[in-house]
Amino acid sequence: MNDYSAPLQAKREQLLQAGVLMMDPAAVYVEDEVTVGAGTLLLPGTILRGKTVIGENCCIGPQVMLTGCTVEAGCTINASQCEESVIERDCQIGPYTHIRPHCVVGAGSKIGAFVQLKNCNLGRGTKMAHLTYVGDSDVGEDCNFGCGTVTCNYDGFKKHRTTIGSHVFVGCNTNLVPPVTVGDGAFIAAASTVTEDVPEDAMVIGRVRQEVKEGWAAENRRRHGKS
């Protein structure tokens, strides 16, 4: 046994006695300053580091690493990494979510596959199902982000913040170029690039109008000898 085995085993036993559940205790790594509430299930591959605090009746894992995080009661975190952030109660995180430092994820939010958050605050009930990057942003309650949404927070020299109100719908493949503010209840059409503030309850479309050139593809193949 290496130098870590004895304190790790002691910590696991302490948690088990306090009502924490583990499918395979030997596959769970928990550092000494971590706190876990009763009824929480730690699945194999879970790594809890620093002063992480997890509330009651959560499901953590498999393959999760939390470092210096606070996770409130009733959360599910699957195959994800979170660092120095707060996840409020009843959130669903993952799989394959990366929450970088200085984030607050509001209660009841759903943050899904291949989403990265950085230095942002999300209100209650906000949803980002997949393939989204939100950095240096303040987001209200009950917003929905379509896949492919990006906050373009870095201009090559400085970071800029995006502000989004509550009940905002962000269509797929939206680029938000800060500093920009989107008002409550706004609707952003898919494939838009937003560079100016959006008023409350407005719809914004920021994309080139579709143009159809009949027969162009066939002619292009002929020019290249592919007809």
C-alpha atoms as a PDB file:
ATOM      1  CA  MET A   1       0.000   0.000   0.000  1.00  0.00           C
ATOM      2  CA  ASN A   2       1.284   3.488  -0.854  1.00  0.00           C
ATOM      3  CA  ASP A   3       1.328   6.509   1.449  1.00  0.00           C
ATOM      4  CA  TYR A   4      -2.157   7.584   0.331  1.00  0.00           C
ATOM      5  CA  SER A   5      -3.957   4.326   0.962  1.00  0.00           C
ATOM      6  CA  ALA A   6      -4.475   4.550   4.717  1.00  0.00           C
ATOM      7  CA  PRO A   7      -5.908   8.110   4.885  1.00  0.00           C
ATOM      8  CA  LEU A   8      -8.047   7.452   1.802  1.00  0.00           C
ATOM      9  CA  GLN A   9      -9.513   4.327   3.346  1.00  0.00           C
ATOM     10  CA  ALA A  10     -10.139   6.146   6.614  1.00  0.00           C
ATOM     11  CA  LYS A  11     -11.974   8.946   4.811  1.00  0.00           C
ATOM     12  CA  ARG A  12     -14.111   6.495   2.865  1.00  0.00           C
ATOM     13  CA  GLU A  13     -15.046   4.655   6.036  1.00  0.00           C
ATOM     14  CA  GLN A  14     -15.925   7.939   7.729  1.00  0.00           C
ATOM     15  CA  LEU A  15     -18.255   8.879   4.873  1.00  0.00           C
ATOM     16  CA  LEU A  16     -19.872   5.446   4.755  1.00  0.00           C
ATOM     17  CA  GLN A  17     -20.607   5.620   8.459  1.00  0.00           C
ATOM     18  CA  ALA A  18     -22.187   9.062   7.924  1.00  0.00           C
ATOM     19  CA  GLY A  19     -24.668   7.673   5.394  1.00  0.00           C
ATOM     20  CA  VAL A  20     -22.821   8.293   2.117  1.00  0.00           C
ATOM     21  CA  LEU A  21     -23.287   5.524  -0.448  1.00  0.00           C
ATOM     22  CA  MET A  22     -20.542   4.071  -2.655  1.00  0.00           C
ATOM     23  CA  MET A  23     -20.999   1.428  -5.339  1.00  0.00           C
ATOM     24  CA  ASP A  24     -17.284   0.541  -5.185  1.00  0.00           C
ATOM     25  CA  PRO A  25     -15.479   2.337  -2.329  1.00  0.00           C
ATOM     26  CA  ALA A  26     -12.042   1.377  -3.640  1.00  0.00           C
ATOM     27  CA  ALA A  27     -12.774   3.317  -6.870  1.00  0.00           C
ATOM     28  CA  VAL A  28     -13.573   6.585  -5.056  1.00  0.00           C
ATOM     29  CA  TYR A  29     -10.916   9.169  -4.126  1.00  0.00           C
ATOM     30  CA  VAL A  30     -11.904  11.719  -1.461  1.00  0.00           C
ATOM     31  CA  GLU A  31      -9.475  14.153   0.140  1.00  0.00           C
ATOM     32  CA  ASP A  32      -9.638  14.828   3.865  1.00  0.00           C
ATOM     33  CA  GLU A  33     -11.274  18.301   3.820  1.00  0.00           C
ATOM     34  CA  VAL A  34     -14.185  17.178   1.619  1.00  0.00           C
ATOM     35  CA  THR A  35     -17.701  17.078   3.110  1.00  0.00           C
ATOM     36  CA  VAL A  36     -20.459  14.868   1.665  1.00  0.00           C
ATOM     37  CA  GLY A  37     -24.084  14.769   2.812  1.00  0.00           C
ATOM     38  CA  ALA A  38     -26.016  11.647   3.771  1.00  0.00           C
ATOM     39  CA  GLY A  39     -27.791   9.790   0.994  1.00  0.00           C
ATOM     40  CA  THR A  40     -25.371  10.939  -1.694  1.00  0.00           C
ATOM     41  CA  LEU A  41     -24.125   8.213  -4.020  1.00  0.00           C
ATOM     42  CA  LEU A  42     -20.484   8.318  -5.154  1.00  0.00           C
ATOM     43  CA  LEU A  43     -20.012   6.194  -8.259  1.00  0.00           C
ATOM     44  CA  PRO A  44     -16.709   4.695  -9.478  1.00  0.00           C
ATOM     45  CA  GLY A  45     -14.137   7.136 -10.774  1.00  0.00           C
ATOM     46  CA  THR A  46     -15.278   9.972  -8.507  1.00  0.00           C
ATOM     47  CA  ILE A  47     -12.455  12.283  -7.328  1.00  0.00           C
ATOM     48  CA  LEU A  48     -13.305  14.929  -4.727  1.00  0.00           C
ATOM     49  CA  ARG A  49     -10.539  17.400  -3.950  1.00  0.00           C
ATOM     50  CA  GLY A  50      -9.818  20.427  -1.787  1.00  0.00           C
ATOM     51  CA  LYS A  51     -12.625  21.868   0.316  1.00  0.00           C
ATOM     52  CA  THR A  52     -15.407  20.468  -1.842  1.00  0.00           C
ATOM     53  CA  VAL A  53     -18.799  20.374  -0.114  1.00  0.00           C
ATOM     54  CA  ILE A  54     -21.572  18.128  -1.450  1.00  0.00           C
ATOM     55  CA  GLY A  55     -25.096  18.202  -0.089  1.00  0.00           C
ATOM     56  CA  GLU A  56     -27.507  15.369   0.606  1.00  0.00           C
ATOM     57  CA  ASN A  57     -29.070  12.996  -1.917  1.00  0.00           C
ATOM     58  CA  CYS A  58     -26.792  13.779  -4.848  1.00  0.00           C
ATOM     59  CA  CYS A  59     -25.455  11.345  -7.433  1.00  0.00           C
ATOM     60  CA  ILE A  60     -21.809  12.007  -8.299  1.00  0.00           C
ATOM     61  CA  GLY A  61     -20.081  10.026 -11.051  1.00  0.00           C
ATOM     62  CA  PRO A  62     -19.053   7.940 -12.712  1.00  0.00           C
ATOM     63  CA  GLN A  63     -15.815   9.667 -13.775  1.00  0.00           C
ATOM     64  CA  VAL A  64     -16.265  13.024 -12.037  1.00  0.00           C
ATOM     65  CA  MET A  65     -13.618  15.333 -10.590  1.00  0.00           C
ATOM     66  CA  LEU A  66     -14.673  18.190  -8.316  1.00  0.00           C
ATOM     67  CA  THR A  67     -12.058  20.604  -6.964  1.00  0.00           C
ATOM     68  CA  GLY A  68     -13.004  23.219  -4.383  1.00  0.00           C
ATOM     69  CA  CYS A  69     -16.689  23.145  -5.360  1.00  0.00           C
ATOM     70  CA  THR A  70     -19.956  23.516  -3.486  1.00  0.00           C
ATOM     71  CA  VAL A  71     -22.705  21.217  -4.754  1.00  0.00           C
ATOM     72  CA  GLU A  72     -26.085  21.637  -3.120  1.00  0.00           C
ATOM     73  CA  ALA A  73     -28.619  18.881  -2.403  1.00  0.00           C
ATOM     74  CA  GLY A  74     -30.261  16.789  -5.100  1.00  0.00           C
ATOM     75  CA  CYS A  75     -27.721  17.348  -7.877  1.00  0.00           C
ATOM     76  CA  THR A  76     -26.569  14.824 -10.467  1.00  0.00           C
ATOM     77  CA  ILE A  77     -23.081  15.173 -11.961  1.00  0.00           C
ATOM     78  CA  ASN A  78     -22.003  12.631 -14.561  1.00  0.00           C
ATOM     79  CA  ALA A  79     -18.596  12.290 -16.276  1.00  0.00           C
ATOM     80  CA  SER A  80     -17.625  15.945 -15.789  1.00  0.00           C
ATOM     81  CA  GLN A  81     -15.068  18.266 -14.194  1.00  0.00           C
ATOM     82  CA  CYS A  82     -15.871  21.280 -12.020  1.00  0.00           C
ATOM     83  CA  GLU A  83     -13.466  23.673 -10.351  1.00  0.00           C
ATOM     84  CA  GLU A  84     -13.970  26.333  -7.659  1.00  0.00           C
ATOM     85  CA  SER A  85     -17.636  26.870  -8.496  1.00  0.00           C
ATOM     86  CA  VAL A  86     -21.085  26.635  -6.916  1.00  0.00           C
ATOM     87  CA  ILE A  87     -23.766  24.309  -8.256  1.00  0.00           C
ATOM     88  CA  GLU A  88     -27.085  25.033  -6.612  1.00  0.00           C
ATOM     89  CA  ARG A  89     -29.676  22.418  -5.693  1.00  0.00           C
ATOM     90  CA  ASP A  90     -31.346  19.997  -8.117  1.00  0.00           C
ATOM     91  CA  CYS A  91     -29.030  20.664 -11.063  1.00  0.00           C
ATOM     92  CA  GLN A  92     -28.162  18.102 -13.735  1.00  0.00           C
ATOM     93  CA  ILE A  93     -24.585  18.345 -14.979  1.00  0.00           C
ATOM     94  CA  GLY A  94     -22.981  16.312 -17.777  1.00  0.00           C
ATOM     95  CA  PRO A  95     -21.919  14.133 -19.282  1.00  0.00           C
ATOM     96  CA  TYR A  96     -18.716  15.810 -20.482  1.00  0.00           C
ATOM     97  CA  THR A  97     -19.342  19.218 -18.961  1.00  0.00           C
ATOM     98  CA  HIS A  98     -16.416  21.399 -17.877  1.00  0.00           C
ATOM     99  CA  ILE A  99     -17.220  24.078 -15.305  1.00  0.00           C
ATOM    100  CA  ARG A 100     -14.163  26.284 -14.852  1.00  0.00           C
ATOM    101  CA  PRO A 101     -13.538  28.516 -11.796  1.00  0.00           C
ATOM    102  CA  HIS A 102     -15.822  31.285 -10.571  1.00  0.00           C
ATOM    103  CA  CYS A 103     -19.145  29.975 -11.850  1.00  0.00           C
ATOM    104  CA  VAL A 104     -22.528  29.816 -10.164  1.00  0.00           C
ATOM    105  CA  VAL A 105     -25.072  27.452 -11.722  1.00  0.00           C
ATOM    106  CA  GLY A 106     -28.577  28.316 -10.574  1.00  0.00           C
ATOM    107  CA  ALA A 107     -30.926  25.811  -8.976  1.00  0.00           C
ATOM    108  CA  GLY A 108     -32.647  23.381 -11.317  1.00  0.00           C
ATOM    109  CA  SER A 109     -30.379  24.135 -14.265  1.00  0.00           C
ATOM    110  CA  LYS A 110     -29.357  21.525 -16.839  1.00  0.00           C
ATOM    111  CA  ILE A 111     -25.853  21.739 -18.277  1.00  0.00           C
ATOM    112  CA  GLY A 112     -25.181  18.970 -20.754  1.00  0.00           C
ATOM    113  CA  ALA A 113     -22.719  17.322 -23.107  1.00  0.00           C
ATOM    114  CA  PHE A 114     -19.657  19.256 -24.231  1.00  0.00           C
ATOM    115  CA  VAL A 115     -20.649  22.491 -22.508  1.00  0.00           C
ATOM    116  CA  GLN A 116     -17.959  24.665 -20.958  1.00  0.00           C
ATOM    117  CA  LEU A 117     -18.669  27.451 -18.467  1.00  0.00           C
ATOM    118  CA  LYS A 118     -16.095  29.972 -17.284  1.00  0.00           C
ATOM    119  CA  ASN A 119     -16.465  32.877 -14.836  1.00  0.00           C
ATOM    120  CA  CYS A 120     -20.212  33.136 -15.286  1.00  0.00           C
ATOM    121  CA  ASN A 121     -23.426  33.292 -13.286  1.00  0.00           C
ATOM    122  CA  LEU A 122     -26.502  31.368 -14.408  1.00  0.00           C
ATOM    123  CA  GLY A 123     -29.967  31.927 -12.985  1.00  0.00           C
ATOM    124  CA  ARG A 124     -32.416  29.240 -11.908  1.00  0.00           C
ATOM    125  CA  GLY A 125     -33.707  26.764 -14.469  1.00  0.00           C
ATOM    126  CA  THR A 126     -31.371  27.701 -17.308  1.00  0.00           C
ATOM    127  CA  LYS A 127     -30.668  24.963 -19.867  1.00  0.00           C
ATOM    128  CA  MET A 128     -27.650  24.345 -22.098  1.00  0.00           C
ATOM    129  CA  ALA A 129     -28.082  20.840 -23.456  1.00  0.00           C
ATOM    130  CA  HIS A 130     -24.931  20.496 -25.540  1.00  0.00           C
ATOM    131  CA  LEU A 131     -22.033  22.017 -27.504  1.00  0.00           C
ATOM    132  CA  THR A 132     -22.008  25.463 -25.918  1.00  0.00           C
ATOM    133  CA  TYR A 133     -19.364  27.804 -24.491  1.00  0.00           C
ATOM    134  CA  VAL A 134     -20.411  30.540 -22.067  1.00  0.00           C
ATOM    135  CA  GLY A 135     -17.609  32.590 -20.558  1.00  0.00           C
ATOM    136  CA  ASP A 136     -17.495  35.889 -18.645  1.00  0.00           C
ATOM    137  CA  SER A 137     -21.280  36.099 -18.680  1.00  0.00           C
ATOM    138  CA  ASP A 138     -24.266  36.859 -16.474  1.00  0.00           C
ATOM    139  CA  VAL A 139     -27.396  34.911 -17.457  1.00  0.00           C
ATOM    140  CA  GLY A 140     -30.871  35.205 -15.947  1.00  0.00           C
ATOM    141  CA  GLU A 141     -33.488  32.588 -15.097  1.00  0.00           C
ATOM    142  CA  ASP A 142     -35.186  30.033 -17.366  1.00  0.00           C
ATOM    143  CA  CYS A 143     -33.054  30.680 -20.434  1.00  0.00           C
ATOM    144  CA  ASN A 144     -32.586  28.100 -23.172  1.00  0.00           C
ATOM    145  CA  PHE A 145     -29.374  27.874 -25.192  1.00  0.00           C
ATOM    146  CA  GLY A 146     -29.352  25.959 -28.469  1.00  0.00           C
ATOM    147  CA  CYS A 147     -26.341  23.871 -29.437  1.00  0.00           C
ATOM    148  CA  GLY A 148     -23.334  25.638 -30.912  1.00  0.00           C
ATOM    149  CA  THR A 149     -23.845  28.856 -28.937  1.00  0.00           C
ATOM    150  CA  VAL A 150     -20.642  30.758 -28.166  1.00  0.00           C
ATOM    151  CA  THR A 151     -19.921  33.891 -26.177  1.00  0.00           C
ATOM    152  CA  CYS A 152     -16.973  35.481 -27.981  1.00  0.00           C
ATOM    153  CA  ASN A 153     -15.542  36.916 -24.782  1.00  0.00           C
ATOM    154  CA  TYR A 154     -11.917  37.507 -25.885  1.00  0.00           C
ATOM    155  CA  ASP A 155     -10.974  40.052 -28.562  1.00  0.00           C
ATOM    156  CA  GLY A 156      -7.286  39.138 -28.584  1.00  0.00           C
ATOM    157  CA  PHE A 157      -6.423  41.719 -25.929  1.00  0.00           C
ATOM    158  CA  LYS A 158      -9.162  41.885 -23.281  1.00  0.00           C
ATOM    159  CA  LYS A 159     -12.032  39.810 -21.924  1.00  0.00           C
ATOM    160  CA  HIS A 160     -15.548  41.280 -22.185  1.00  0.00           C
ATOM    161  CA  ARG A 161     -18.795  40.284 -20.469  1.00  0.00           C
ATOM    162  CA  THR A 162     -22.080  39.220 -21.977  1.00  0.00           C
ATOM    163  CA  THR A 163     -25.296  39.995 -20.082  1.00  0.00           C
ATOM    164  CA  ILE A 164     -28.442  37.978 -20.825  1.00  0.00           C
ATOM    165  CA  GLY A 165     -31.744  38.543 -19.068  1.00  0.00           C
ATOM    166  CA  SER A 166     -34.325  35.991 -17.966  1.00  0.00           C
ATOM    167  CA  HIS A 167     -36.579  33.866 -20.213  1.00  0.00           C
ATOM    168  CA  VAL A 168     -34.308  34.358 -23.230  1.00  0.00           C
ATOM    169  CA  PHE A 169     -34.264  31.861 -26.119  1.00  0.00           C
ATOM    170  CA  VAL A 170     -30.879  31.583 -27.819  1.00  0.00           C
ATOM    171  CA  GLY A 171     -31.072  29.718 -31.135  1.00  0.00           C
ATOM    172  CA  CYS A 172     -28.521  27.168 -32.330  1.00  0.00           C
ATOM    173  CA  ASN A 173     -25.175  28.399 -33.646  1.00  0.00           C
ATOM    174  CA  THR A 174     -25.489  31.860 -32.127  1.00  0.00           C
ATOM    175  CA  ASN A 175     -22.400  34.006 -31.587  1.00  0.00           C
ATOM    176  CA  LEU A 176     -22.684  36.662 -28.883  1.00  0.00           C
ATOM    177  CA  VAL A 177     -19.952  39.285 -29.322  1.00  0.00           C
ATOM    178  CA  PRO A 178     -19.557  41.317 -26.122  1.00  0.00           C
ATOM    179  CA  PRO A 179     -19.840  43.748 -24.610  1.00  0.00           C
ATOM    180  CA  VAL A 180     -23.476  43.048 -25.406  1.00  0.00           C
ATOM    181  CA  THR A 181     -26.724  42.884 -23.426  1.00  0.00           C
ATOM    182  CA  VAL A 182     -29.780  40.796 -24.290  1.00  0.00           C
ATOM    183  CA  GLY A 183     -32.983  41.906 -22.583  1.00  0.00           C
ATOM    184  CA  ASP A 184     -35.527  39.746 -20.763  1.00  0.00           C
ATOM    185  CA  GLY A 185     -37.728  37.593 -22.959  1.00  0.00           C
ATOM    186  CA  ALA A 186     -35.741  38.163 -26.140  1.00  0.00           C
ATOM    187  CA  PHE A 187     -35.591  35.583 -28.957  1.00  0.00           C
ATOM    188  CA  ILE A 188     -32.380  35.113 -30.943  1.00  0.00           C
ATOM    189  CA  ALA A 189     -32.835  33.345 -34.267  1.00  0.00           C
ATOM    190  CA  ALA A 190     -30.577  30.411 -35.081  1.00  0.00           C
ATOM    191  CA  ALA A 191     -27.240  31.162 -36.784  1.00  0.00           C
ATOM    192  CA  SER A 192     -27.228  34.790 -35.658  1.00  0.00           C
ATOM    193  CA  THR A 193     -24.175  36.843 -34.736  1.00  0.00           C
ATOM    194  CA  VAL A 194     -25.229  39.399 -32.136  1.00  0.00           C
ATOM    195  CA  THR A 195     -23.021  42.490 -31.912  1.00  0.00           C
ATOM    196  CA  GLU A 196     -25.512  45.061 -30.604  1.00  0.00           C
ATOM    197  CA  ASP A 197     -27.788  45.136 -27.569  1.00  0.00           C
ATOM    198  CA  VAL A 198     -31.134  43.350 -27.941  1.00  0.00           C
ATOM    199  CA  PRO A 199     -34.188  45.024 -26.349  1.00  0.00           C
ATOM    200  CA  GLU A 200     -36.528  43.210 -23.998  1.00  0.00           C
ATOM    201  CA  ASP A 201     -39.001  40.877 -25.753  1.00  0.00           C
ATOM    202  CA  ALA A 202     -37.449  41.565 -29.170  1.00  0.00           C
ATOM    203  CA  MET A 203     -36.454  39.100 -31.862  1.00  0.00           C
ATOM    204  CA  VAL A 204     -33.046  39.471 -33.475  1.00  0.00           C
ATOM    205  CA  ILE A 205     -31.819  37.914 -36.726  1.00  0.00           C
ATOM    206  CA  GLY A 206     -28.165  38.496 -37.537  1.00  0.00           C
ATOM    207  CA  ARG A 207     -27.341  36.394 -40.586  1.00  0.00           C
ATOM    208  CA  VAL A 208     -26.984  36.676 -44.356  1.00  0.00           C
ATOM    209  CA  ARG A 209     -30.192  36.056 -46.293  1.00  0.00           C
ATOM    210  CA  GLN A 210     -30.168  32.724 -48.123  1.00  0.00           C
ATOM    211  CA  GLU A 211     -29.448  32.874 -51.854  1.00  0.00           C
ATOM    212  CA  VAL A 212     -30.198  29.895 -54.142  1.00  0.00           C
ATOM    213  CA  LYS A 213     -28.296  29.525 -57.432  1.00  0.00           C
ATOM    214  CA  GLU A 214     -30.074  26.889 -59.488  1.00  0.00           C
ATOM    215  CA  GLY A 215     -27.776  24.397 -61.229  1.00  0.00           C
ATOM    216  CA  TRP A 216     -24.576  25.821 -59.724  1.00  0.00           C
ATOM    217  CA  ALA A 217     -23.476  22.543 -58.094  1.00  0.00           C
ATOM    218  CA  ALA A 218     -23.904  20.507 -61.292  1.00  0.00           C
ATOM    219  CA  GLU A 219     -21.990  23.092 -63.319  1.00  0.00           C
ATOM    220  CA  ASN A 220     -19.213  23.159 -60.724  1.00  0.00           C
ATOM    221  CA  ARG A 221     -18.855  19.362 -60.995  1.00  0.00           C
ATOM    222  CA  ARG A 222     -18.655  19.620 -64.792  1.00  0.00           C
ATOM    223  CA  ARG A 223     -15.920  22.262 -64.578  1.00  0.00           C
ATOM    224  CA  HIS A 224     -13.891  19.884 -62.432  1.00  0.00           C
ATOM    225  CA  GLY A 225     -14.528  16.844 -64.584  1.00  0.00           C
ATOM    226  CA  LYS A 226     -16.776  15.160 -62.060  1.00  0.00           C
ATOM    227  CA  SER A 227     -20.014  15.081 -64.047  1.00  0.00           C
END
